[in-house]
Amino acid sequence: MAGRRVHRPPYWRVIFTHVVSPLIWPRFDGWALSHGYDVLEARASRCTNLIEYYLEESATETKEIHDARNQHRAQLLRVAKVVNDMEDPDKIEQLANTPPHLLMRR
């Protein structure tokens, strides 16, 4: 309380900073697009409503959904590693000698 006035905490600044981080933004933007909203075209008031709803929905998802998403992301990382290895001349022979069913286990 400063000068007998109550100041609101800067919650929205913190939330916006969190949402636009490289870790959260792709998930939020994808979620919004999958629900028919282009966040970059939305008015600020609509965007804050979307962010709040997304964060609430994310916080209340079940453990099974959370685990499935994490498993999916881990699989994508393995695929990305194989793709990167295919571009490395030193690893191409190793990949060529790896049985196909073991490629994603690396």
PDB file of N, CA and C in Angstrom:
ATOM      1  N   MET A   1       0.849  -1.167   0.000  1.00  0.00           N
ATOM      2  CA  MET A   1       0.000   0.000   0.000  1.00  0.00           C
ATOM      3  C   MET A   1       0.900   1.238   0.000  1.00  0.00           C
ATOM      4  N   ALA A   2       0.797   1.997  -1.034  1.00  0.00           N
ATOM      5  CA  ALA A   2       1.610   3.202  -1.153  1.00  0.00           C
ATOM      6  C   ALA A   2       0.693   4.407  -1.208  1.00  0.00           C
ATOM      7  N   GLY A   3       0.855   5.338  -0.291  1.00  0.00           N
ATOM      8  CA  GLY A   3      -0.006   6.522  -0.277  1.00  0.00           C
ATOM      9  C   GLY A   3      -1.460   6.168  -0.083  1.00  0.00           C
ATOM     10  N   ARG A   4      -1.726   5.153   0.706  1.00  0.00           N
ATOM     11  CA  ARG A   4      -3.080   4.680   1.020  1.00  0.00           C
ATOM     12  C   ARG A   4      -3.832   4.151  -0.204  1.00  0.00           C
ATOM     13  N   ARG A   5      -3.090   3.815  -1.239  1.00  0.00           N
ATOM     14  CA  ARG A   5      -3.719   3.213  -2.418  1.00  0.00           C
ATOM     15  C   ARG A   5      -3.238   1.768  -2.529  1.00  0.00           C
ATOM     16  N   VAL A   6      -4.110   0.907  -2.936  1.00  0.00           N
ATOM     17  CA  VAL A   6      -3.750  -0.495  -3.136  1.00  0.00           C
ATOM     18  C   VAL A   6      -3.410  -0.680  -4.602  1.00  0.00           C
ATOM     19  N   HIS A   7      -2.213  -1.174  -4.863  1.00  0.00           N
ATOM     20  CA  HIS A   7      -1.786  -1.426  -6.240  1.00  0.00           C
ATOM     21  C   HIS A   7      -1.923  -2.902  -6.542  1.00  0.00           C
ATOM     22  N   ARG A   8      -2.435  -3.176  -7.705  1.00  0.00           N
ATOM     23  CA  ARG A   8      -2.587  -4.573  -8.117  1.00  0.00           C
ATOM     24  C   ARG A   8      -1.232  -5.123  -8.536  1.00  0.00           C
ATOM     25  N   PRO A   9      -0.975  -6.376  -8.206  1.00  0.00           N
ATOM     26  CA  PRO A   9       0.280  -6.992  -8.654  1.00  0.00           C
ATOM     27  C   PRO A   9       0.304  -7.099 -10.184  1.00  0.00           C
ATOM     28  N   PRO A  10       1.461  -7.112 -10.767  1.00  0.00           N
ATOM     29  CA  PRO A  10       1.553  -7.187 -12.239  1.00  0.00           C
ATOM     30  C   PRO A  10       1.380  -8.618 -12.756  1.00  0.00           C
ATOM     31  N   TYR A  11       0.258  -9.250 -12.394  1.00  0.00           N
ATOM     32  CA  TYR A  11       0.038 -10.634 -12.789  1.00  0.00           C
ATOM     33  C   TYR A  11       0.085 -10.825 -14.299  1.00  0.00           C
ATOM     34  N   TRP A  12      -0.591  -9.955 -15.041  1.00  0.00           N
ATOM     35  CA  TRP A  12      -0.660 -10.158 -16.480  1.00  0.00           C
ATOM     36  C   TRP A  12       0.697 -10.020 -17.136  1.00  0.00           C
ATOM     37  N   ARG A  13       1.548  -9.146 -16.612  1.00  0.00           N
ATOM     38  CA  ARG A  13       2.892  -9.023 -17.168  1.00  0.00           C
ATOM     39  C   ARG A  13       3.658 -10.336 -16.969  1.00  0.00           C
ATOM     40  N   VAL A  14       3.517 -10.928 -15.800  1.00  0.00           N
ATOM     41  CA  VAL A  14       4.186 -12.204 -15.515  1.00  0.00           C
ATOM     42  C   VAL A  14       3.615 -13.308 -16.396  1.00  0.00           C
ATOM     43  N   ILE A  15       2.300 -13.350 -16.528  1.00  0.00           N
ATOM     44  CA  ILE A  15       1.653 -14.378 -17.347  1.00  0.00           C
ATOM     45  C   ILE A  15       2.061 -14.236 -18.812  1.00  0.00           C
ATOM     46  N   PHE A  16       2.051 -13.019 -19.348  1.00  0.00           N
ATOM     47  CA  PHE A  16       2.457 -12.812 -20.741  1.00  0.00           C
ATOM     48  C   PHE A  16       3.905 -13.229 -20.952  1.00  0.00           C
ATOM     49  N   THR A  17       4.779 -12.861 -20.016  1.00  0.00           N
ATOM     50  CA  THR A  17       6.189 -13.246 -20.123  1.00  0.00           C
ATOM     51  C   THR A  17       6.320 -14.762 -20.133  1.00  0.00           C
ATOM     52  N   HIS A  18       5.538 -15.432 -19.305  1.00  0.00           N
ATOM     53  CA  HIS A  18       5.555 -16.898 -19.243  1.00  0.00           C
ATOM     54  C   HIS A  18       5.060 -17.507 -20.557  1.00  0.00           C
ATOM     55  N   VAL A  19       3.955 -17.007 -21.062  1.00  0.00           N
ATOM     56  CA  VAL A  19       3.336 -17.589 -22.251  1.00  0.00           C
ATOM     57  C   VAL A  19       4.179 -17.369 -23.504  1.00  0.00           C
ATOM     58  N   VAL A  20       4.841 -16.248 -23.620  1.00  0.00           N
ATOM     59  CA  VAL A  20       5.634 -16.001 -24.831  1.00  0.00           C
ATOM     60  C   VAL A  20       7.041 -16.592 -24.741  1.00  0.00           C
ATOM     61  N   SER A  21       7.324 -17.331 -23.690  1.00  0.00           N
ATOM     62  CA  SER A  21       8.634 -17.984 -23.589  1.00  0.00           C
ATOM     63  C   SER A  21       8.737 -19.056 -24.679  1.00  0.00           C
ATOM     64  N   PRO A  22       9.960 -19.380 -25.106  1.00  0.00           N
ATOM     65  CA  PRO A  22      10.135 -20.379 -26.177  1.00  0.00           C
ATOM     66  C   PRO A  22       9.558 -21.753 -25.832  1.00  0.00           C
ATOM     67  N   LEU A  23       9.442 -22.067 -24.556  1.00  0.00           N
ATOM     68  CA  LEU A  23       8.906 -23.367 -24.162  1.00  0.00           C
ATOM     69  C   LEU A  23       7.382 -23.407 -24.258  1.00  0.00           C
ATOM     70  N   ILE A  24       6.720 -22.335 -23.859  1.00  0.00           N
ATOM     71  CA  ILE A  24       5.250 -22.323 -23.778  1.00  0.00           C
ATOM     72  C   ILE A  24       4.592 -21.831 -25.067  1.00  0.00           C
ATOM     73  N   TRP A  25       5.176 -20.832 -25.728  1.00  0.00           N
ATOM     74  CA  TRP A  25       4.515 -20.221 -26.884  1.00  0.00           C
ATOM     75  C   TRP A  25       4.083 -21.226 -27.956  1.00  0.00           C
ATOM     76  N   PRO A  26       4.939 -22.144 -28.406  1.00  0.00           N
ATOM     77  CA  PRO A  26       4.476 -23.074 -29.450  1.00  0.00           C
ATOM     78  C   PRO A  26       3.271 -23.908 -29.004  1.00  0.00           C
ATOM     79  N   ARG A  27       3.250 -24.289 -27.744  1.00  0.00           N
ATOM     80  CA  ARG A  27       2.110 -25.076 -27.240  1.00  0.00           C
ATOM     81  C   ARG A  27       0.854 -24.235 -27.178  1.00  0.00           C
ATOM     82  N   PHE A  28       0.979 -23.006 -26.660  1.00  0.00           N
ATOM     83  CA  PHE A  28      -0.191 -22.127 -26.562  1.00  0.00           C
ATOM     84  C   PHE A  28      -0.708 -21.754 -27.943  1.00  0.00           C
ATOM     85  N   ASP A  29       0.190 -21.369 -28.831  1.00  0.00           N
ATOM     86  CA  ASP A  29      -0.220 -20.979 -30.179  1.00  0.00           C
ATOM     87  C   ASP A  29      -0.879 -22.153 -30.896  1.00  0.00           C
ATOM     88  N   GLY A  30      -0.299 -23.340 -30.773  1.00  0.00           N
ATOM     89  CA  GLY A  30      -0.898 -24.526 -31.389  1.00  0.00           C
ATOM     90  C   GLY A  30      -2.256 -24.847 -30.801  1.00  0.00           C
ATOM     91  N   TRP A  31      -2.365 -24.723 -29.480  1.00  0.00           N
ATOM     92  CA  TRP A  31      -3.650 -24.964 -28.812  1.00  0.00           C
ATOM     93  C   TRP A  31      -4.692 -23.978 -29.329  1.00  0.00           C
ATOM     94  N   ALA A  32      -4.312 -22.693 -29.385  1.00  0.00           N
ATOM     95  CA  ALA A  32      -5.260 -21.671 -29.842  1.00  0.00           C
ATOM     96  C   ALA A  32      -5.671 -21.927 -31.289  1.00  0.00           C
ATOM     97  N   LEU A  33      -4.710 -22.232 -32.158  1.00  0.00           N
ATOM     98  CA  LEU A  33      -5.033 -22.508 -33.562  1.00  0.00           C
ATOM     99  C   LEU A  33      -5.934 -23.730 -33.685  1.00  0.00           C
ATOM    100  N   SER A  34      -5.681 -24.757 -32.859  1.00  0.00           N
ATOM    101  CA  SER A  34      -6.524 -25.959 -32.921  1.00  0.00           C
ATOM    102  C   SER A  34      -7.948 -25.686 -32.455  1.00  0.00           C
ATOM    103  N   HIS A  35      -8.133 -24.598 -31.720  1.00  0.00           N
ATOM    104  CA  HIS A  35      -9.462 -24.191 -31.274  1.00  0.00           C
ATOM    105  C   HIS A  35     -10.051 -23.076 -32.147  1.00  0.00           C
ATOM    106  N   GLY A  36      -9.367 -22.760 -33.263  1.00  0.00           N
ATOM    107  CA  GLY A  36      -9.901 -21.801 -34.211  1.00  0.00           C
ATOM    108  C   GLY A  36      -9.551 -20.347 -33.947  1.00  0.00           C
ATOM    109  N   TYR A  37      -8.547 -20.091 -33.095  1.00  0.00           N
ATOM    110  CA  TYR A  37      -8.166 -18.719 -32.788  1.00  0.00           C
ATOM    111  C   TYR A  37      -6.744 -18.450 -33.243  1.00  0.00           C
ATOM    112  N   ASP A  38      -6.555 -17.362 -33.955  1.00  0.00           N
ATOM    113  CA  ASP A  38      -5.212 -16.910 -34.307  1.00  0.00           C
ATOM    114  C   ASP A  38      -4.837 -15.840 -33.298  1.00  0.00           C
ATOM    115  N   VAL A  39      -3.980 -16.177 -32.365  1.00  0.00           N
ATOM    116  CA  VAL A  39      -3.627 -15.282 -31.267  1.00  0.00           C
ATOM    117  C   VAL A  39      -3.036 -13.974 -31.790  1.00  0.00           C
ATOM    118  N   LEU A  40      -2.276 -14.063 -32.861  1.00  0.00           N
ATOM    119  CA  LEU A  40      -1.634 -12.864 -33.391  1.00  0.00           C
ATOM    120  C   LEU A  40      -2.627 -11.900 -34.026  1.00  0.00           C
ATOM    121  N   GLU A  41      -3.826 -12.391 -34.335  1.00  0.00           N
ATOM    122  CA  GLU A  41      -4.866 -11.543 -34.917  1.00  0.00           C
ATOM    123  C   GLU A  41      -5.900 -11.102 -33.875  1.00  0.00           C
ATOM    124  N   ALA A  42      -5.849 -11.672 -32.684  1.00  0.00           N
ATOM    125  CA  ALA A  42      -6.868 -11.398 -31.660  1.00  0.00           C
ATOM    126  C   ALA A  42      -6.617 -10.054 -30.973  1.00  0.00           C
ATOM    127  N   ARG A  43      -7.693  -9.433 -30.513  1.00  0.00           N
ATOM    128  CA  ARG A  43      -7.565  -8.226 -29.694  1.00  0.00           C
ATOM    129  C   ARG A  43      -6.936  -8.615 -28.362  1.00  0.00           C
ATOM    130  N   ALA A  44      -6.319  -7.666 -27.700  1.00  0.00           N
ATOM    131  CA  ALA A  44      -5.623  -7.938 -26.440  1.00  0.00           C
ATOM    132  C   ALA A  44      -6.564  -8.534 -25.398  1.00  0.00           C
ATOM    133  N   SER A  45      -7.779  -8.007 -25.301  1.00  0.00           N
ATOM    134  CA  SER A  45      -8.713  -8.525 -24.294  1.00  0.00           C
ATOM    135  C   SER A  45      -9.080  -9.977 -24.586  1.00  0.00           C
ATOM    136  N   ARG A  46      -9.253 -10.319 -25.850  1.00  0.00           N
ATOM    137  CA  ARG A  46      -9.552 -11.701 -26.224  1.00  0.00           C
ATOM    138  C   ARG A  46      -8.350 -12.594 -25.957  1.00  0.00           C
ATOM    139  N   CYS A  47      -7.181 -12.069 -26.243  1.00  0.00           N
ATOM    140  CA  CYS A  47      -5.960 -12.842 -26.050  1.00  0.00           C
ATOM    141  C   CYS A  47      -5.755 -13.167 -24.568  1.00  0.00           C
ATOM    142  N   THR A  48      -6.033 -12.212 -23.696  1.00  0.00           N
ATOM    143  CA  THR A  48      -5.870 -12.492 -22.261  1.00  0.00           C
ATOM    144  C   THR A  48      -6.863 -13.559 -21.810  1.00  0.00           C
ATOM    145  N   ASN A  49      -8.070 -13.526 -22.351  1.00  0.00           N
ATOM    146  CA  ASN A  49      -9.045 -14.570 -22.015  1.00  0.00           C
ATOM    147  C   ASN A  49      -8.557 -15.942 -22.491  1.00  0.00           C
ATOM    148  N   LEU A  50      -8.015 -15.995 -23.702  1.00  0.00           N
ATOM    149  CA  LEU A  50      -7.488 -17.253 -24.229  1.00  0.00           C
ATOM    150  C   LEU A  50      -6.336 -17.776 -23.374  1.00  0.00           C
ATOM    151  N   ILE A  51      -5.440 -16.884 -23.002  1.00  0.00           N
ATOM    152  CA  ILE A  51      -4.288 -17.292 -22.182  1.00  0.00           C
ATOM    153  C   ILE A  51      -4.755 -17.848 -20.849  1.00  0.00           C
ATOM    154  N   GLU A  52      -5.679 -17.146 -20.218  1.00  0.00           N
ATOM    155  CA  GLU A  52      -6.171 -17.601 -18.924  1.00  0.00           C
ATOM    156  C   GLU A  52      -6.845 -18.976 -19.048  1.00  0.00           C
ATOM    157  N   TYR A  53      -7.667 -19.155 -20.053  1.00  0.00           N
ATOM    158  CA  TYR A  53      -8.343 -20.434 -20.246  1.00  0.00           C
ATOM    159  C   TYR A  53      -7.334 -21.544 -20.535  1.00  0.00           C
ATOM    160  N   TYR A  54      -6.351 -21.249 -21.397  1.00  0.00           N
ATOM    161  CA  TYR A  54      -5.313 -22.243 -21.721  1.00  0.00           C
ATOM    162  C   TYR A  54      -4.554 -22.667 -20.463  1.00  0.00           C
ATOM    163  N   LEU A  55      -4.146 -21.701 -19.644  1.00  0.00           N
ATOM    164  CA  LEU A  55      -3.391 -22.032 -18.441  1.00  0.00           C
ATOM    165  C   LEU A  55      -4.228 -22.853 -17.466  1.00  0.00           C
ATOM    166  N   GLU A  56      -5.517 -22.509 -17.324  1.00  0.00           N
ATOM    167  CA  GLU A  56      -6.399 -23.282 -16.455  1.00  0.00           C
ATOM    168  C   GLU A  56      -6.571 -24.704 -16.989  1.00  0.00           C
ATOM    169  N   GLU A  57      -6.793 -24.824 -18.291  1.00  0.00           N
ATOM    170  CA  GLU A  57      -6.976 -26.143 -18.898  1.00  0.00           C
ATOM    171  C   GLU A  57      -5.709 -26.988 -18.768  1.00  0.00           C
ATOM    172  N   SER A  58      -4.562 -26.363 -18.973  1.00  0.00           N
ATOM    173  CA  SER A  58      -3.289 -27.081 -18.851  1.00  0.00           C
ATOM    174  C   SER A  58      -3.046 -27.547 -17.418  1.00  0.00           C
ATOM    175  N   ALA A  59      -3.438 -26.717 -16.462  1.00  0.00           N
ATOM    176  CA  ALA A  59      -3.200 -27.046 -15.060  1.00  0.00           C
ATOM    177  C   ALA A  59      -4.105 -28.171 -14.562  1.00  0.00           C
ATOM    178  N   THR A  60      -5.238 -28.371 -15.224  1.00  0.00           N
ATOM    179  CA  THR A  60      -6.188 -29.365 -14.741  1.00  0.00           C
ATOM    180  C   THR A  60      -6.220 -30.641 -15.583  1.00  0.00           C
ATOM    181  N   GLU A  61      -5.278 -30.780 -16.524  1.00  0.00           N
ATOM    182  CA  GLU A  61      -5.299 -32.001 -17.338  1.00  0.00           C
ATOM    183  C   GLU A  61      -4.902 -33.204 -16.474  1.00  0.00           C
ATOM    184  N   THR A  62      -5.363 -34.351 -16.866  1.00  0.00           N
ATOM    185  CA  THR A  62      -5.104 -35.555 -16.078  1.00  0.00           C
ATOM    186  C   THR A  62      -3.655 -36.006 -16.237  1.00  0.00           C
ATOM    187  N   LYS A  63      -3.218 -36.831 -15.304  1.00  0.00           N
ATOM    188  CA  LYS A  63      -1.852 -37.362 -15.353  1.00  0.00           C
ATOM    189  C   LYS A  63      -1.644 -38.182 -16.625  1.00  0.00           C
ATOM    190  N   GLU A  64      -2.646 -38.927 -17.053  1.00  0.00           N
ATOM    191  CA  GLU A  64      -2.523 -39.737 -18.257  1.00  0.00           C
ATOM    192  C   GLU A  64      -2.285 -38.868 -19.490  1.00  0.00           C
ATOM    193  N   ILE A  65      -3.023 -37.783 -19.597  1.00  0.00           N
ATOM    194  CA  ILE A  65      -2.837 -36.874 -20.731  1.00  0.00           C
ATOM    195  C   ILE A  65      -1.456 -36.236 -20.662  1.00  0.00           C
ATOM    196  N   HIS A  66      -1.064 -35.798 -19.477  1.00  0.00           N
ATOM    197  CA  HIS A  66       0.251 -35.182 -19.292  1.00  0.00           C
ATOM    198  C   HIS A  66       1.359 -36.163 -19.687  1.00  0.00           C
ATOM    199  N   ASP A  67       1.261 -37.409 -19.213  1.00  0.00           N
ATOM    200  CA  ASP A  67       2.272 -38.424 -19.542  1.00  0.00           C
ATOM    201  C   ASP A  67       2.298 -38.726 -21.041  1.00  0.00           C
ATOM    202  N   ALA A  68       1.123 -38.794 -21.663  1.00  0.00           N
ATOM    203  CA  ALA A  68       1.058 -39.068 -23.099  1.00  0.00           C
ATOM    204  C   ALA A  68       1.702 -37.937 -23.897  1.00  0.00           C
ATOM    205  N   ARG A  69       1.468 -36.705 -23.492  1.00  0.00           N
ATOM    206  CA  ARG A  69       2.091 -35.571 -24.189  1.00  0.00           C
ATOM    207  C   ARG A  69       3.601 -35.593 -24.026  1.00  0.00           C
ATOM    208  N   ASN A  70       4.058 -35.885 -22.820  1.00  0.00           N
ATOM    209  CA  ASN A  70       5.508 -35.953 -22.602  1.00  0.00           C
ATOM    210  C   ASN A  70       6.140 -37.090 -23.396  1.00  0.00           C
ATOM    211  N   GLN A  71       5.454 -38.217 -23.491  1.00  0.00           N
ATOM    212  CA  GLN A  71       5.960 -39.344 -24.276  1.00  0.00           C
ATOM    213  C   GLN A  71       6.031 -38.959 -25.759  1.00  0.00           C
ATOM    214  N   HIS A  72       5.015 -38.262 -26.232  1.00  0.00           N
ATOM    215  CA  HIS A  72       4.997 -37.803 -27.625  1.00  0.00           C
ATOM    216  C   HIS A  72       6.158 -36.840 -27.892  1.00  0.00           C
ATOM    217  N   ARG A  73       6.385 -35.902 -26.981  1.00  0.00           N
ATOM    218  CA  ARG A  73       7.485 -34.946 -27.148  1.00  0.00           C
ATOM    219  C   ARG A  73       8.838 -35.638 -27.132  1.00  0.00           C
ATOM    220  N   ALA A  74       8.985 -36.648 -26.275  1.00  0.00           N
ATOM    221  CA  ALA A  74      10.245 -37.403 -26.234  1.00  0.00           C
ATOM    222  C   ALA A  74      10.473 -38.131 -27.555  1.00  0.00           C
ATOM    223  N   GLN A  75       9.404 -38.684 -28.127  1.00  0.00           N
ATOM    224  CA  GLN A  75       9.509 -39.354 -29.423  1.00  0.00           C
ATOM    225  C   GLN A  75       9.932 -38.369 -30.512  1.00  0.00           C
ATOM    226  N   LEU A  76       9.362 -37.173 -30.491  1.00  0.00           N
ATOM    227  CA  LEU A  76       9.745 -36.153 -31.476  1.00  0.00           C
ATOM    228  C   LEU A  76      11.217 -35.768 -31.336  1.00  0.00           C
ATOM    229  N   LEU A  77      11.702 -35.703 -30.104  1.00  0.00           N
ATOM    230  CA  LEU A  77      13.120 -35.398 -29.897  1.00  0.00           C
ATOM    231  C   LEU A  77      14.010 -36.500 -30.460  1.00  0.00           C
ATOM    232  N   ARG A  78      13.585 -37.759 -30.299  1.00  0.00           N
ATOM    233  CA  ARG A  78      14.364 -38.873 -30.861  1.00  0.00           C
ATOM    234  C   ARG A  78      14.384 -38.804 -32.385  1.00  0.00           C
ATOM    235  N   VAL A  79      13.249 -38.485 -32.979  1.00  0.00           N
ATOM    236  CA  VAL A  79      13.181 -38.344 -34.443  1.00  0.00           C
ATOM    237  C   VAL A  79      14.101 -37.211 -34.887  1.00  0.00           C
ATOM    238  N   ALA A  80      14.062 -36.098 -34.182  1.00  0.00           N
ATOM    239  CA  ALA A  80      14.916 -34.960 -34.532  1.00  0.00           C
ATOM    240  C   ALA A  80      16.389 -35.335 -34.445  1.00  0.00           C
ATOM    241  N   LYS A  81      16.757 -36.149 -33.453  1.00  0.00           N
ATOM    242  CA  LYS A  81      18.151 -36.579 -33.321  1.00  0.00           C
ATOM    243  C   LYS A  81      18.566 -37.441 -34.507  1.00  0.00           C
ATOM    244  N   VAL A  82      17.703 -38.348 -34.931  1.00  0.00           N
ATOM    245  CA  VAL A  82      18.011 -39.192 -36.086  1.00  0.00           C
ATOM    246  C   VAL A  82      18.163 -38.327 -37.333  1.00  0.00           C
ATOM    247  N   VAL A  83      17.271 -37.356 -37.517  1.00  0.00           N
ATOM    248  CA  VAL A  83      17.358 -36.472 -38.680  1.00  0.00           C
ATOM    249  C   VAL A  83      18.671 -35.684 -38.646  1.00  0.00           C
ATOM    250  N   ASN A  84      19.027 -35.168 -37.485  1.00  0.00           N
ATOM    251  CA  ASN A  84      20.291 -34.437 -37.361  1.00  0.00           C
ATOM    252  C   ASN A  84      21.482 -35.349 -37.641  1.00  0.00           C
ATOM    253  N   ASP A  85      21.417 -36.586 -37.148  1.00  0.00           N
ATOM    254  CA  ASP A  85      22.503 -37.542 -37.391  1.00  0.00           C
ATOM    255  C   ASP A  85      22.631 -37.863 -38.878  1.00  0.00           C
ATOM    256  N   MET A  86      21.511 -37.871 -39.611  1.00  0.00           N
ATOM    257  CA  MET A  86      21.550 -38.160 -41.044  1.00  0.00           C
ATOM    258  C   MET A  86      22.307 -37.073 -41.808  1.00  0.00           C
ATOM    259  N   GLU A  87      22.357 -35.882 -41.235  1.00  0.00           N
ATOM    260  CA  GLU A  87      23.062 -34.785 -41.881  1.00  0.00           C
ATOM    261  C   GLU A  87      24.545 -34.755 -41.515  1.00  0.00           C
ATOM    262  N   ASP A  88      24.951 -35.590 -40.554  1.00  0.00           N
ATOM    263  CA  ASP A  88      26.345 -35.641 -40.120  1.00  0.00           C
ATOM    264  C   ASP A  88      27.052 -36.773 -40.868  1.00  0.00           C
ATOM    265  N   PRO A  89      28.008 -36.448 -41.743  1.00  0.00           N
ATOM    266  CA  PRO A  89      28.682 -37.488 -42.537  1.00  0.00           C
ATOM    267  C   PRO A  89      29.351 -38.574 -41.687  1.00  0.00           C
ATOM    268  N   ASP A  90      29.788 -38.224 -40.495  1.00  0.00           N
ATOM    269  CA  ASP A  90      30.448 -39.202 -39.633  1.00  0.00           C
ATOM    270  C   ASP A  90      29.464 -40.221 -39.056  1.00  0.00           C
ATOM    271  N   LYS A  91      28.197 -39.877 -38.995  1.00  0.00           N
ATOM    272  CA  LYS A  91      27.207 -40.767 -38.375  1.00  0.00           C
ATOM    273  C   LYS A  91      26.360 -41.525 -39.389  1.00  0.00           C
ATOM    274  N   ILE A  92      26.475 -41.196 -40.661  1.00  0.00           N
ATOM    275  CA  ILE A  92      25.651 -41.848 -41.689  1.00  0.00           C
ATOM    276  C   ILE A  92      25.918 -43.341 -41.733  1.00  0.00           C
ATOM    277  N   GLU A  93      27.184 -43.746 -41.680  1.00  0.00           N
ATOM    278  CA  GLU A  93      27.492 -45.176 -41.731  1.00  0.00           C
ATOM    279  C   GLU A  93      26.940 -45.899 -40.506  1.00  0.00           C
ATOM    280  N   GLN A  94      27.060 -45.279 -39.354  1.00  0.00           N
ATOM    281  CA  GLN A  94      26.511 -45.881 -38.139  1.00  0.00           C
ATOM    282  C   GLN A  94      25.003 -46.063 -38.258  1.00  0.00           C
ATOM    283  N   LEU A  95      24.310 -45.056 -38.799  1.00  0.00           N
ATOM    284  CA  LEU A  95      22.866 -45.168 -39.001  1.00  0.00           C
ATOM    285  C   LEU A  95      22.538 -46.261 -40.015  1.00  0.00           C
ATOM    286  N   ALA A  96      23.341 -46.359 -41.059  1.00  0.00           N
ATOM    287  CA  ALA A  96      23.098 -47.373 -42.090  1.00  0.00           C
ATOM    288  C   ALA A  96      23.226 -48.778 -41.522  1.00  0.00           C
ATOM    289  N   ASN A  97      24.053 -48.938 -40.504  1.00  0.00           N
ATOM    290  CA  ASN A  97      24.269 -50.259 -39.905  1.00  0.00           C
ATOM    291  C   ASN A  97      23.352 -50.538 -38.717  1.00  0.00           C
ATOM    292  N   THR A  98      22.478 -49.587 -38.396  1.00  0.00           N
ATOM    293  CA  THR A  98      21.544 -49.766 -37.281  1.00  0.00           C
ATOM    294  C   THR A  98      20.240 -50.354 -37.819  1.00  0.00           C
ATOM    295  N   PRO A  99      19.783 -51.464 -37.236  1.00  0.00           N
ATOM    296  CA  PRO A  99      18.500 -52.030 -37.675  1.00  0.00           C
ATOM    297  C   PRO A  99      17.377 -50.993 -37.521  1.00  0.00           C
ATOM    298  N   PRO A 100      16.461 -50.944 -38.480  1.00  0.00           N
ATOM    299  CA  PRO A 100      15.406 -49.915 -38.462  1.00  0.00           C
ATOM    300  C   PRO A 100      14.602 -49.858 -37.164  1.00  0.00           C
ATOM    301  N   HIS A 101      14.336 -51.037 -36.579  1.00  0.00           N
ATOM    302  CA  HIS A 101      13.509 -51.030 -35.373  1.00  0.00           C
ATOM    303  C   HIS A 101      14.265 -50.480 -34.162  1.00  0.00           C
ATOM    304  N   LEU A 102      15.573 -50.272 -34.280  1.00  0.00           N
ATOM    305  CA  LEU A 102      16.339 -49.718 -33.176  1.00  0.00           C
ATOM    306  C   LEU A 102      16.689 -48.239 -33.365  1.00  0.00           C
ATOM    307  N   LEU A 103      16.359 -47.672 -34.501  1.00  0.00           N
ATOM    308  CA  LEU A 103      16.742 -46.287 -34.784  1.00  0.00           C
ATOM    309  C   LEU A 103      16.196 -45.301 -33.742  1.00  0.00           C
ATOM    310  N   MET A 104      14.964 -45.459 -33.356  1.00  0.00           N
ATOM    311  CA  MET A 104      14.354 -44.501 -32.428  1.00  0.00           C
ATOM    312  C   MET A 104      14.713 -44.766 -30.970  1.00  0.00           C
ATOM    313  N   ARG A 105      15.440 -45.823 -30.693  1.00  0.00           N
ATOM    314  CA  ARG A 105      15.821 -46.132 -29.322  1.00  0.00           C
ATOM    315  C   ARG A 105      17.149 -45.500 -28.932  1.00  0.00           C
ATOM    316  N   ARG A 106      17.781 -44.851 -29.870  1.00  0.00           N
ATOM    317  CA  ARG A 106      19.094 -44.276 -29.618  1.00  0.00           C
ATOM    318  C   ARG A 106      19.004 -43.067 -28.736  1.00  0.00           C
TER     319      ARG A 106
END
